[in-house]
Amino acid sequence: MNIAILSRDANLYSTQRLIQAAEERGHQVEVIDALRCYMNISANKPEVHYKGRVLKEFDAIIPRIGASITFYGTAVLRQFEMMGTYPLNESVAISRSRDKLRSLQLLSRKGVGLPVTGFAHSPDDVNDLLKTVGGAPVVIKLLEGTQGVGVVLAETHSAAESVIQAFNGLKANILVQEFIAEAKGADIRCFVIDGKVVASMKRQAKDGEFRSNLHQGGSASLIKITPAERATAVQAARVMGLNVCGVDLLRSNHGPVVMEVNSSPGIEGIEKATGKNIAAAIIEFIEKNARPHNTRTRGKG
């Protein structure tokens, strides 16, 4: 097969591993920077141009679209979908998962476990907002933040008020969530492919930090998940309509709760923590499912 990888950097670990896994199985691979693409939107012959040439037809495309280029990246992916290229994850599912508020609302509607969450832009009554999530300590997040950036733990009511007021000054949309103290600075990344958890790891925050993201200095280790955690991760992926994703869970006193569903999960941490060949599993999924104009969106909303 001819496989395209939408990635801004061909040297990234995840991109390199996908190239390697595909080539080992006899496929041809081209890495394409979505921001260097431009499109001919035609009723008869949609095209994608790249660095002055019309791209050839691909059998499948693997979107590795960073959060900062979601809008343009998904537009390019949609163009490939219009041309009949099979997407590992569909553009609509990626957009759905990248909208933090929408994704939480969809998960809530389907009964997936979530931390108690409040959403606000410029609340008239901060006290009432904090009361809706059970009071301090609370986690306050910028709606547009990624990889732990724009996430603040407010340990007291006055600290929470100050942070919310500061974000209000930036005209920012925020989420206020209950702080799951019993998680003790750890979360679980479940890597889901085709409705199955193929690998899972525990991410532990460094000393003095509550964010467990590896980009924030967290460490990763192998973990055995419970049936409830497995079921929650699978259901979250299904609600988002993602064939491949990373589902981040916390272990709370009221069961597993979903923090985020990541449509372009990194491969390095999970492969090194578990010893599993995640890249090969992704390519195998494509081999089984890639057909012209074949899509598998299972989520709604």
C-alpha atoms as a PDB file:
ATOM      1  CA  MET A   1       0.000   0.000   0.000  1.00  0.00           C
ATOM      2  CA  ASN A   2       0.925   3.643  -0.415  1.00  0.00           C
ATOM      3  CA  ILE A   3       0.594   5.277   3.003  1.00  0.00           C
ATOM      4  CA  ALA A   4       0.831   8.971   3.837  1.00  0.00           C
ATOM      5  CA  ILE A   5       1.682  10.269   7.305  1.00  0.00           C
ATOM      6  CA  LEU A   6       0.525  13.794   8.107  1.00  0.00           C
ATOM      7  CA  SER A   7       3.330  15.007  10.363  1.00  0.00           C
ATOM      8  CA  ARG A   8       5.163  18.311  10.702  1.00  0.00           C
ATOM      9  CA  ASP A   9       8.436  16.566  11.586  1.00  0.00           C
ATOM     10  CA  ALA A  10       9.572  13.325   9.952  1.00  0.00           C
ATOM     11  CA  ASN A  11      12.222  12.893  12.655  1.00  0.00           C
ATOM     12  CA  LEU A  12       9.809  12.580  15.575  1.00  0.00           C
ATOM     13  CA  TYR A  13       9.927   9.204  17.333  1.00  0.00           C
ATOM     14  CA  SER A  14       6.291   8.365  16.586  1.00  0.00           C
ATOM     15  CA  THR A  15       6.636   9.269  12.904  1.00  0.00           C
ATOM     16  CA  GLN A  16       9.879   7.315  12.533  1.00  0.00           C
ATOM     17  CA  ARG A  17       8.401   4.234  14.188  1.00  0.00           C
ATOM     18  CA  LEU A  18       5.351   4.319  11.908  1.00  0.00           C
ATOM     19  CA  ILE A  19       7.612   4.629   8.849  1.00  0.00           C
ATOM     20  CA  GLN A  20       9.731   1.727  10.046  1.00  0.00           C
ATOM     21  CA  ALA A  21       6.756  -0.506  10.838  1.00  0.00           C
ATOM     22  CA  ALA A  22       5.104   0.203   7.484  1.00  0.00           C
ATOM     23  CA  GLU A  23       8.264  -0.349   5.429  1.00  0.00           C
ATOM     24  CA  GLU A  24       9.031  -3.594   7.285  1.00  0.00           C
ATOM     25  CA  ARG A  25       5.644  -4.848   6.093  1.00  0.00           C
ATOM     26  CA  GLY A  26       6.341  -3.870   2.497  1.00  0.00           C
ATOM     27  CA  HIS A  27       4.452  -0.576   2.263  1.00  0.00           C
ATOM     28  CA  GLN A  28       5.568   2.704   0.705  1.00  0.00           C
ATOM     29  CA  VAL A  29       5.423   5.733   2.985  1.00  0.00           C
ATOM     30  CA  GLU A  30       5.552   9.487   2.444  1.00  0.00           C
ATOM     31  CA  VAL A  31       5.600  12.039   5.257  1.00  0.00           C
ATOM     32  CA  ILE A  32       3.588  15.176   4.467  1.00  0.00           C
ATOM     33  CA  ASP A  33       3.598  18.454   6.384  1.00  0.00           C
ATOM     34  CA  ALA A  34      -0.065  19.509   6.473  1.00  0.00           C
ATOM     35  CA  LEU A  35       0.822  23.204   6.610  1.00  0.00           C
ATOM     36  CA  ARG A  36       2.721  22.914   3.326  1.00  0.00           C
ATOM     37  CA  CYS A  37      -0.352  21.513   1.563  1.00  0.00           C
ATOM     38  CA  TYR A  38      -2.862  23.513  -0.415  1.00  0.00           C
ATOM     39  CA  MET A  39      -6.080  22.237  -1.881  1.00  0.00           C
ATOM     40  CA  ASN A  40      -8.112  22.383  -5.034  1.00  0.00           C
ATOM     41  CA  ILE A  41     -11.697  22.037  -3.861  1.00  0.00           C
ATOM     42  CA  SER A  42     -13.552  20.841  -6.919  1.00  0.00           C
ATOM     43  CA  ALA A  43     -16.820  18.988  -7.353  1.00  0.00           C
ATOM     44  CA  ASN A  44     -15.282  16.708  -9.955  1.00  0.00           C
ATOM     45  CA  LYS A  45     -11.660  16.246  -8.981  1.00  0.00           C
ATOM     46  CA  PRO A  46     -10.539  17.296  -5.506  1.00  0.00           C
ATOM     47  CA  GLU A  47      -6.760  17.557  -5.228  1.00  0.00           C
ATOM     48  CA  VAL A  48      -4.072  18.137  -2.658  1.00  0.00           C
ATOM     49  CA  HIS A  49      -0.974  20.019  -3.809  1.00  0.00           C
ATOM     50  CA  TYR A  50       2.280  19.737  -1.885  1.00  0.00           C
ATOM     51  CA  LYS A  51       5.475  21.668  -2.557  1.00  0.00           C
ATOM     52  CA  GLY A  52       4.411  22.461  -6.108  1.00  0.00           C
ATOM     53  CA  ARG A  53       3.118  19.046  -7.151  1.00  0.00           C
ATOM     54  CA  VAL A  54      -0.186  17.217  -7.089  1.00  0.00           C
ATOM     55  CA  LEU A  55      -0.004  14.385  -4.581  1.00  0.00           C
ATOM     56  CA  LYS A  56      -0.536  10.899  -5.924  1.00  0.00           C
ATOM     57  CA  GLU A  57      -3.350   8.791  -4.601  1.00  0.00           C
ATOM     58  CA  PHE A  58      -2.745   7.125  -1.257  1.00  0.00           C
ATOM     59  CA  ASP A  59      -4.423   3.983   0.033  1.00  0.00           C
ATOM     60  CA  ALA A  60      -4.366   5.219   3.628  1.00  0.00           C
ATOM     61  CA  ILE A  61      -3.350   8.250   5.644  1.00  0.00           C
ATOM     62  CA  ILE A  62      -2.160   8.433   9.251  1.00  0.00           C
ATOM     63  CA  PRO A  63      -2.924  11.849  10.777  1.00  0.00           C
ATOM     64  CA  ARG A  64      -0.362  12.996  13.344  1.00  0.00           C
ATOM     65  CA  ILE A  65      -1.913  16.447  13.712  1.00  0.00           C
ATOM     66  CA  GLY A  66      -0.700  18.614  16.579  1.00  0.00           C
ATOM     67  CA  ALA A  67      -3.267  20.538  18.607  1.00  0.00           C
ATOM     68  CA  SER A  68      -1.925  23.888  17.374  1.00  0.00           C
ATOM     69  CA  ILE A  69      -2.800  23.060  13.741  1.00  0.00           C
ATOM     70  CA  THR A  70      -6.060  21.191  14.314  1.00  0.00           C
ATOM     71  CA  PHE A  71      -8.164  23.439  12.075  1.00  0.00           C
ATOM     72  CA  TYR A  72      -5.926  23.357   9.009  1.00  0.00           C
ATOM     73  CA  GLY A  73      -4.713  19.803   9.606  1.00  0.00           C
ATOM     74  CA  THR A  74      -8.223  18.380   9.699  1.00  0.00           C
ATOM     75  CA  ALA A  75      -9.129  20.399   6.585  1.00  0.00           C
ATOM     76  CA  VAL A  76      -6.273  18.707   4.713  1.00  0.00           C
ATOM     77  CA  LEU A  77      -7.347  15.329   6.076  1.00  0.00           C
ATOM     78  CA  ARG A  78     -10.928  15.953   4.898  1.00  0.00           C
ATOM     79  CA  GLN A  79      -9.607  16.634   1.421  1.00  0.00           C
ATOM     80  CA  PHE A  80      -7.863  13.261   1.385  1.00  0.00           C
ATOM     81  CA  GLU A  81     -11.093  11.654   2.604  1.00  0.00           C
ATOM     82  CA  MET A  82     -12.941  13.276  -0.305  1.00  0.00           C
ATOM     83  CA  MET A  83     -10.366  11.724  -2.631  1.00  0.00           C
ATOM     84  CA  GLY A  84     -11.144   8.272  -1.234  1.00  0.00           C
ATOM     85  CA  THR A  85      -8.077   7.842   0.991  1.00  0.00           C
ATOM     86  CA  TYR A  86      -8.704   5.726   4.089  1.00  0.00           C
ATOM     87  CA  PRO A  87      -8.008   7.714   7.303  1.00  0.00           C
ATOM     88  CA  LEU A  88      -6.668   5.981  10.408  1.00  0.00           C
ATOM     89  CA  ASN A  89      -8.849   8.443  12.336  1.00  0.00           C
ATOM     90  CA  GLU A  90     -11.473  10.520  10.562  1.00  0.00           C
ATOM     91  CA  SER A  91     -11.251  14.301  10.549  1.00  0.00           C
ATOM     92  CA  VAL A  92     -14.634  14.656  12.271  1.00  0.00           C
ATOM     93  CA  ALA A  93     -13.540  12.366  15.109  1.00  0.00           C
ATOM     94  CA  ILE A  94     -10.282  14.275  15.592  1.00  0.00           C
ATOM     95  CA  SER A  95     -12.139  17.602  15.721  1.00  0.00           C
ATOM     96  CA  ARG A  96     -14.622  16.128  18.179  1.00  0.00           C
ATOM     97  CA  SER A  97     -11.908  14.916  20.550  1.00  0.00           C
ATOM     98  CA  ARG A  98      -9.895  18.142  20.335  1.00  0.00           C
ATOM     99  CA  ASP A  99     -12.839  20.198  21.585  1.00  0.00           C
ATOM    100  CA  LYS A 100     -12.445  19.576  25.321  1.00  0.00           C
ATOM    101  CA  LEU A 101     -15.890  20.836  26.253  1.00  0.00           C
ATOM    102  CA  ARG A 102     -17.692  18.961  23.490  1.00  0.00           C
ATOM    103  CA  SER A 103     -15.833  15.744  24.253  1.00  0.00           C
ATOM    104  CA  LEU A 104     -16.721  15.951  27.947  1.00  0.00           C
ATOM    105  CA  GLN A 105     -20.362  16.619  27.083  1.00  0.00           C
ATOM    106  CA  LEU A 106     -20.458  13.614  24.727  1.00  0.00           C
ATOM    107  CA  LEU A 107     -18.798  11.329  27.274  1.00  0.00           C
ATOM    108  CA  SER A 108     -21.171  12.551  29.972  1.00  0.00           C
ATOM    109  CA  ARG A 109     -24.185  11.877  27.752  1.00  0.00           C
ATOM    110  CA  LYS A 110     -23.034   8.277  27.313  1.00  0.00           C
ATOM    111  CA  GLY A 111     -22.479   7.745  31.036  1.00  0.00           C
ATOM    112  CA  VAL A 112     -18.671   7.556  30.910  1.00  0.00           C
ATOM    113  CA  GLY A 113     -17.009   8.299  34.257  1.00  0.00           C
ATOM    114  CA  LEU A 114     -15.716  11.880  34.508  1.00  0.00           C
ATOM    115  CA  PRO A 115     -14.410  14.198  37.207  1.00  0.00           C
ATOM    116  CA  VAL A 116     -17.063  16.711  38.304  1.00  0.00           C
ATOM    117  CA  THR A 117     -16.530  19.612  35.904  1.00  0.00           C
ATOM    118  CA  GLY A 118     -17.719  23.201  35.612  1.00  0.00           C
ATOM    119  CA  PHE A 119     -17.361  25.297  32.456  1.00  0.00           C
ATOM    120  CA  ALA A 120     -17.258  29.081  32.385  1.00  0.00           C
ATOM    121  CA  HIS A 121     -16.117  32.124  30.451  1.00  0.00           C
ATOM    122  CA  SER A 122     -16.609  35.018  32.856  1.00  0.00           C
ATOM    123  CA  PRO A 123     -18.685  33.767  35.786  1.00  0.00           C
ATOM    124  CA  ASP A 124     -20.629  36.383  37.725  1.00  0.00           C
ATOM    125  CA  ASP A 125     -20.398  34.274  40.870  1.00  0.00           C
ATOM    126  CA  VAL A 126     -17.066  32.478  41.304  1.00  0.00           C
ATOM    127  CA  ASN A 127     -18.216  31.067  44.638  1.00  0.00           C
ATOM    128  CA  ASP A 128     -21.145  29.316  42.975  1.00  0.00           C
ATOM    129  CA  LEU A 129     -18.881  27.962  40.206  1.00  0.00           C
ATOM    130  CA  LEU A 130     -16.523  26.464  42.765  1.00  0.00           C
ATOM    131  CA  LYS A 131     -19.437  25.086  44.736  1.00  0.00           C
ATOM    132  CA  THR A 132     -20.660  23.162  41.649  1.00  0.00           C
ATOM    133  CA  VAL A 133     -17.474  21.060  41.652  1.00  0.00           C
ATOM    134  CA  GLY A 134     -17.329  20.549  45.419  1.00  0.00           C
ATOM    135  CA  GLY A 135     -15.027  23.405  46.398  1.00  0.00           C
ATOM    136  CA  ALA A 136     -11.244  23.658  46.731  1.00  0.00           C
ATOM    137  CA  PRO A 137      -8.879  22.114  45.962  1.00  0.00           C
ATOM    138  CA  VAL A 138      -9.776  22.293  42.276  1.00  0.00           C
ATOM    139  CA  VAL A 139      -7.963  21.952  38.959  1.00  0.00           C
ATOM    140  CA  ILE A 140      -8.459  24.899  36.590  1.00  0.00           C
ATOM    141  CA  LYS A 141      -7.727  24.385  32.900  1.00  0.00           C
ATOM    142  CA  LEU A 142      -7.600  26.610  29.870  1.00  0.00           C
ATOM    143  CA  LEU A 143      -9.910  25.067  27.304  1.00  0.00           C
ATOM    144  CA  GLU A 144      -7.232  25.396  24.622  1.00  0.00           C
ATOM    145  CA  GLY A 145      -4.325  24.028  26.689  1.00  0.00           C
ATOM    146  CA  THR A 146      -2.344  20.894  25.743  1.00  0.00           C
ATOM    147  CA  GLN A 147       0.265  18.585  27.290  1.00  0.00           C
ATOM    148  CA  GLY A 148      -0.355  19.981  30.750  1.00  0.00           C
ATOM    149  CA  VAL A 149       0.150  23.617  29.728  1.00  0.00           C
ATOM    150  CA  GLY A 150      -2.548  25.955  31.059  1.00  0.00           C
ATOM    151  CA  VAL A 151      -3.449  23.616  33.938  1.00  0.00           C
ATOM    152  CA  VAL A 152      -3.340  24.965  37.503  1.00  0.00           C
ATOM    153  CA  LEU A 153      -4.024  23.300  40.860  1.00  0.00           C
ATOM    154  CA  ALA A 154      -5.699  25.739  43.244  1.00  0.00           C
ATOM    155  CA  GLU A 155      -5.429  24.297  46.730  1.00  0.00           C
ATOM    156  CA  THR A 156      -7.539  26.898  48.526  1.00  0.00           C
ATOM    157  CA  HIS A 157     -10.718  28.806  47.777  1.00  0.00           C
ATOM    158  CA  SER A 158      -8.888  32.140  47.616  1.00  0.00           C
ATOM    159  CA  ALA A 159      -6.248  30.715  45.279  1.00  0.00           C
ATOM    160  CA  ALA A 160      -8.980  29.373  42.987  1.00  0.00           C
ATOM    161  CA  GLU A 161     -10.683  32.783  42.923  1.00  0.00           C
ATOM    162  CA  SER A 162      -7.397  34.472  41.982  1.00  0.00           C
ATOM    163  CA  VAL A 163      -6.650  32.035  39.158  1.00  0.00           C
ATOM    164  CA  ILE A 164     -10.173  32.278  37.732  1.00  0.00           C
ATOM    165  CA  GLN A 165     -10.043  36.063  37.853  1.00  0.00           C
ATOM    166  CA  ALA A 166      -6.664  36.020  36.088  1.00  0.00           C
ATOM    167  CA  PHE A 167      -8.005  33.782  33.321  1.00  0.00           C
ATOM    168  CA  ASN A 168     -11.063  36.039  33.071  1.00  0.00           C
ATOM    169  CA  GLY A 169      -8.701  38.919  32.347  1.00  0.00           C
ATOM    170  CA  LEU A 170      -7.386  36.942  29.376  1.00  0.00           C
ATOM    171  CA  LYS A 171     -10.957  36.448  28.094  1.00  0.00           C
ATOM    172  CA  ALA A 172     -10.297  32.708  28.216  1.00  0.00           C
ATOM    173  CA  ASN A 173     -12.732  29.813  28.453  1.00  0.00           C
ATOM    174  CA  ILE A 174     -11.945  27.602  31.425  1.00  0.00           C
ATOM    175  CA  LEU A 175     -12.824  24.245  32.909  1.00  0.00           C
ATOM    176  CA  VAL A 176     -12.902  23.828  36.681  1.00  0.00           C
ATOM    177  CA  GLN A 177     -12.669  20.228  37.853  1.00  0.00           C
ATOM    178  CA  GLU A 178     -12.630  18.414  41.154  1.00  0.00           C
ATOM    179  CA  PHE A 179      -9.134  17.450  42.262  1.00  0.00           C
ATOM    180  CA  ILE A 180      -8.766  13.666  42.490  1.00  0.00           C
ATOM    181  CA  ALA A 181      -6.364  13.597  45.440  1.00  0.00           C
ATOM    182  CA  GLU A 182      -6.476   9.800  45.740  1.00  0.00           C
ATOM    183  CA  ALA A 183      -4.796   9.483  42.321  1.00  0.00           C
ATOM    184  CA  LYS A 184      -1.630  10.755  44.039  1.00  0.00           C
ATOM    185  CA  GLY A 185      -0.256  12.500  40.959  1.00  0.00           C
ATOM    186  CA  ALA A 186      -0.630   9.470  38.692  1.00  0.00           C
ATOM    187  CA  ASP A 187      -2.785   8.712  35.699  1.00  0.00           C
ATOM    188  CA  ILE A 188      -3.181   5.775  33.339  1.00  0.00           C
ATOM    189  CA  ARG A 189      -2.720   6.028  29.569  1.00  0.00           C
ATOM    190  CA  CYS A 190      -4.651   3.308  27.776  1.00  0.00           C
ATOM    191  CA  PHE A 191      -3.708   2.868  24.121  1.00  0.00           C
ATOM    192  CA  VAL A 192      -6.797   1.773  22.211  1.00  0.00           C
ATOM    193  CA  ILE A 193      -6.749   0.264  18.710  1.00  0.00           C
ATOM    194  CA  ASP A 194      -9.932  -0.973  17.025  1.00  0.00           C
ATOM    195  CA  GLY A 195     -11.956  -1.093  20.218  1.00  0.00           C
ATOM    196  CA  LYS A 196      -9.317  -2.908  22.287  1.00  0.00           C
ATOM    197  CA  VAL A 197      -6.816  -1.721  24.873  1.00  0.00           C
ATOM    198  CA  VAL A 198      -3.554  -3.027  23.411  1.00  0.00           C
ATOM    199  CA  ALA A 199      -1.246  -1.459  26.014  1.00  0.00           C
ATOM    200  CA  SER A 200      -1.417   0.635  29.155  1.00  0.00           C
ATOM    201  CA  MET A 201       1.047   2.535  31.290  1.00  0.00           C
ATOM    202  CA  LYS A 202       1.071   4.474  34.531  1.00  0.00           C
ATOM    203  CA  ARG A 203       2.350   8.038  34.310  1.00  0.00           C
ATOM    204  CA  GLN A 204       3.599   9.417  37.627  1.00  0.00           C
ATOM    205  CA  ALA A 205       4.149  13.119  38.227  1.00  0.00           C
ATOM    206  CA  LYS A 206       7.570  14.204  39.464  1.00  0.00           C
ATOM    207  CA  ASP A 207       7.947  15.330  43.080  1.00  0.00           C
ATOM    208  CA  GLY A 208       6.142  18.583  43.777  1.00  0.00           C
ATOM    209  CA  GLU A 209       4.065  18.343  40.593  1.00  0.00           C
ATOM    210  CA  PHE A 210       0.495  17.106  40.118  1.00  0.00           C
ATOM    211  CA  ARG A 211       0.543  16.902  36.299  1.00  0.00           C
ATOM    212  CA  SER A 212       1.653  13.470  35.141  1.00  0.00           C
ATOM    213  CA  ASN A 213       2.274  14.389  31.483  1.00  0.00           C
ATOM    214  CA  LEU A 214       5.613  13.077  30.236  1.00  0.00           C
ATOM    215  CA  HIS A 215       6.177  16.538  28.684  1.00  0.00           C
ATOM    216  CA  GLN A 216       6.039  17.924  32.241  1.00  0.00           C
ATOM    217  CA  GLY A 217       8.703  15.535  33.544  1.00  0.00           C
ATOM    218  CA  GLY A 218       6.473  12.619  34.532  1.00  0.00           C
ATOM    219  CA  SER A 219       7.727   9.036  34.410  1.00  0.00           C
ATOM    220  CA  ALA A 220       6.106   6.014  32.763  1.00  0.00           C
ATOM    221  CA  SER A 221       5.864   2.413  33.916  1.00  0.00           C
ATOM    222  CA  LEU A 222       3.927  -0.739  33.078  1.00  0.00           C
ATOM    223  CA  ILE A 223       0.595  -1.198  34.859  1.00  0.00           C
ATOM    224  CA  LYS A 224      -2.145  -3.797  34.927  1.00  0.00           C
ATOM    225  CA  ILE A 225      -5.541  -2.181  34.504  1.00  0.00           C
ATOM    226  CA  THR A 226      -8.843  -3.384  35.934  1.00  0.00           C
ATOM    227  CA  PRO A 227     -11.795  -4.604  33.852  1.00  0.00           C
ATOM    228  CA  ALA A 228     -13.634  -1.373  34.719  1.00  0.00           C
ATOM    229  CA  GLU A 229     -10.715   0.745  33.498  1.00  0.00           C
ATOM    230  CA  ARG A 230     -10.478  -1.284  30.308  1.00  0.00           C
ATOM    231  CA  ALA A 231     -14.207  -0.925  29.646  1.00  0.00           C
ATOM    232  CA  THR A 232     -14.097   2.823  30.330  1.00  0.00           C
ATOM    233  CA  ALA A 233     -11.213   3.354  27.890  1.00  0.00           C
ATOM    234  CA  VAL A 234     -12.919   1.336  25.153  1.00  0.00           C
ATOM    235  CA  GLN A 235     -16.212   3.165  25.630  1.00  0.00           C
ATOM    236  CA  ALA A 236     -14.501   6.571  25.556  1.00  0.00           C
ATOM    237  CA  ALA A 237     -12.778   5.717  22.263  1.00  0.00           C
ATOM    238  CA  ARG A 238     -16.085   4.522  20.819  1.00  0.00           C
ATOM    239  CA  VAL A 239     -17.944   7.684  21.852  1.00  0.00           C
ATOM    240  CA  MET A 240     -15.261   9.828  20.183  1.00  0.00           C
ATOM    241  CA  GLY A 241     -15.365   7.653  17.065  1.00  0.00           C
ATOM    242  CA  LEU A 242     -11.597   7.096  17.119  1.00  0.00           C
ATOM    243  CA  ASN A 243     -10.053   3.899  15.774  1.00  0.00           C
ATOM    244  CA  VAL A 244      -6.728   4.665  17.456  1.00  0.00           C
ATOM    245  CA  CYS A 245      -6.345   6.877  20.515  1.00  0.00           C
ATOM    246  CA  GLY A 246      -4.880   7.311  23.956  1.00  0.00           C
ATOM    247  CA  VAL A 247      -7.386   7.477  26.803  1.00  0.00           C
ATOM    248  CA  ASP A 248      -6.122   9.070  30.008  1.00  0.00           C
ATOM    249  CA  LEU A 249      -7.779   7.827  33.201  1.00  0.00           C
ATOM    250  CA  LEU A 250      -7.543   8.622  36.891  1.00  0.00           C
ATOM    251  CA  ARG A 251      -8.272   6.136  39.649  1.00  0.00           C
ATOM    252  CA  SER A 252     -10.834   7.880  41.838  1.00  0.00           C
ATOM    253  CA  ASN A 253     -12.834   6.785  44.865  1.00  0.00           C
ATOM    254  CA  HIS A 254     -15.879   6.544  42.579  1.00  0.00           C
ATOM    255  CA  GLY A 255     -14.194   4.464  39.868  1.00  0.00           C
ATOM    256  CA  PRO A 256     -12.139   5.314  36.773  1.00  0.00           C
ATOM    257  CA  VAL A 257     -12.679   8.792  35.357  1.00  0.00           C
ATOM    258  CA  VAL A 258     -11.601  10.020  31.921  1.00  0.00           C
ATOM    259  CA  MET A 259      -9.390  13.091  31.779  1.00  0.00           C
ATOM    260  CA  GLU A 260      -8.776  13.216  28.033  1.00  0.00           C
ATOM    261  CA  VAL A 261      -9.054  11.235  24.803  1.00  0.00           C
ATOM    262  CA  ASN A 262      -6.024  11.913  22.605  1.00  0.00           C
ATOM    263  CA  SER A 263      -6.436  11.351  18.856  1.00  0.00           C
ATOM    264  CA  SER A 264      -2.677  11.507  18.144  1.00  0.00           C
ATOM    265  CA  PRO A 265      -1.119   9.757  21.132  1.00  0.00           C
ATOM    266  CA  GLY A 266       2.652   9.550  21.312  1.00  0.00           C
ATOM    267  CA  ILE A 267       4.154   6.120  20.741  1.00  0.00           C
ATOM    268  CA  GLU A 268       7.521   6.472  22.466  1.00  0.00           C
ATOM    269  CA  GLY A 269       6.386   6.394  26.095  1.00  0.00           C
ATOM    270  CA  ILE A 270       3.958   3.492  25.697  1.00  0.00           C
ATOM    271  CA  GLU A 271       6.384   1.358  23.654  1.00  0.00           C
ATOM    272  CA  LYS A 272       9.238   1.871  26.101  1.00  0.00           C
ATOM    273  CA  ALA A 273       7.067   1.287  29.167  1.00  0.00           C
ATOM    274  CA  THR A 274       5.362  -1.853  27.854  1.00  0.00           C
ATOM    275  CA  GLY A 275       7.828  -3.298  25.335  1.00  0.00           C
ATOM    276  CA  LYS A 276       4.992  -3.666  22.825  1.00  0.00           C
ATOM    277  CA  ASN A 277       5.267  -2.845  19.129  1.00  0.00           C
ATOM    278  CA  ILE A 278       2.470  -0.284  18.960  1.00  0.00           C
ATOM    279  CA  ALA A 279       3.550   1.053  15.567  1.00  0.00           C
ATOM    280  CA  ALA A 280       3.213  -2.388  13.976  1.00  0.00           C
ATOM    281  CA  ALA A 281      -0.239  -2.833  15.541  1.00  0.00           C
ATOM    282  CA  ILE A 282      -1.360   0.436  13.938  1.00  0.00           C
ATOM    283  CA  ILE A 283      -0.108  -0.648  10.513  1.00  0.00           C
ATOM    284  CA  GLU A 284      -1.812  -4.038  10.916  1.00  0.00           C
ATOM    285  CA  PHE A 285      -5.094  -2.253  11.641  1.00  0.00           C
ATOM    286  CA  ILE A 286      -4.713  -0.230   8.452  1.00  0.00           C
ATOM    287  CA  GLU A 287      -3.999  -3.388   6.444  1.00  0.00           C
ATOM    288  CA  LYS A 288      -7.231  -4.962   7.673  1.00  0.00           C
ATOM    289  CA  ASN A 289      -9.443  -1.923   7.118  1.00  0.00           C
ATOM    290  CA  ALA A 290      -8.063   0.332   4.382  1.00  0.00           C
ATOM    291  CA  ARG A 291     -10.514   0.382   1.493  1.00  0.00           C
ATOM    292  CA  PRO A 292     -11.341   3.325  -0.795  1.00  0.00           C
ATOM    293  CA  HIS A 293     -14.035   5.542   0.770  1.00  0.00           C
ATOM    294  CA  ASN A 294     -14.235   3.208   3.799  1.00  0.00           C
ATOM    295  CA  THR A 295     -14.734   5.049   7.066  1.00  0.00           C
ATOM    296  CA  ARG A 296     -15.512   3.807  10.546  1.00  0.00           C
ATOM    297  CA  THR A 297     -16.868   6.663  12.580  1.00  0.00           C
ATOM    298  CA  ARG A 298     -18.565   5.147  15.606  1.00  0.00           C
ATOM    299  CA  GLY A 299     -19.058   8.222  17.758  1.00  0.00           C
ATOM    300  CA  LYS A 300     -21.852  10.735  17.495  1.00  0.00           C
ATOM    301  CA  GLY A 301     -22.249  14.433  18.078  1.00  0.00           C
END
